[in-house]
Amino acid sequence: MNQKFKTLFVILLCITLSAFTFQSKTKWVAIGDSITYLNDDLDETGNRVTQGYMSLVVNKMPNLEYENQGHNGWTAVRIAKEIDKLNLKTADVYSVFLGTNDWWGSQNLGTMDDYKNNTGTSTVYGSYRVITDKLKDLNSKAMVILITPLKRLDFVYYNNMKNNAFGSYKTKNGRDLAEFANAVAEIAKFEGYKLIDLYNSNDFNYKNIVNFKRLKDPQTGNYKDYKYPDFVDIPFNPETDEYPYPTEAINMTYDGLHPSDKGNQAIAKKIIKIMKPAFK
């Protein structure tokens, strides 16, 4: 082979290798509940959301591709019970964003001993151990990001107002949502995982979750816009009342629970801050 053909061969080889490198995507599996699920089902938000947090991350990190393992209404306990049926793929990074439904559904939280001793799916702590063991089996070298549940105000489902729930400013069956958030943080610290603590983030403090809740004044019967915490003891009747979160009420969430565009941007920013240095 003469020098001319050697040079041409090296150039073609470099182009081929560059193309291969460019096409090799970093794989991200996002495990979660409806907050994750809605990323690819924006019609269920009444199109109040234009992009979920995963899409926003990929917009800023084009060499990243995601698999949406968000399951509407699921708890960490149910994810753990169904883990072998989810067909989770081997990935470079996994995020786990659960806990709010465990709190609302009054799942048994357990203790860190349940996690350490792998006691199974009877507790939230034990369920997280089942989940993290599965991720280790898939790729022991993968980055794992645990995300705590965010604070929530009174949730009212946009498409069915009978589906509603009070906020985390109250306990549910004697448990505070903060306890479930603390469990996630404790597990992350124990495992050396990355943590995004949305519960204690100022982005999602109670005054930022919505701008107001529109309810009937009990004295006059006229609609009035109440800021938190003024609305917490004012009744809402899904049979007769208007939807309490008109577009002007949207702030970090659009319905008291699920992130709005602004909320998703805040979550995406935190994820990018962790992922970008590792997966350029």
Foldseek 3Di string as FASTA:
>chain_A
DDPVVVVVVVVVVVVVVVVVVQQQAAEEEEAEEVLLVCQPVCVQQVVLADGFLVVVLCVVVVSYDYDGNYHYLDALLVCLVCVVVSPDAQGQEYEYEHQPSCQQVVQAADDCVLLVVLVHSSHSSNSVNSVVVVNCVSPVNHAYEYEQAAWFAWFARPVARVPIDGTQVDGDPPHGSVVRLVSSVVVCVVVVHHYHYNHPDPCRDQQQQWVFWWDQDPVPRDTDTHGPPVCRPPDDDRVDDDQGQDSNGHGQPRGRGHGHNNVSVVVSVVVCVVVVVVRD
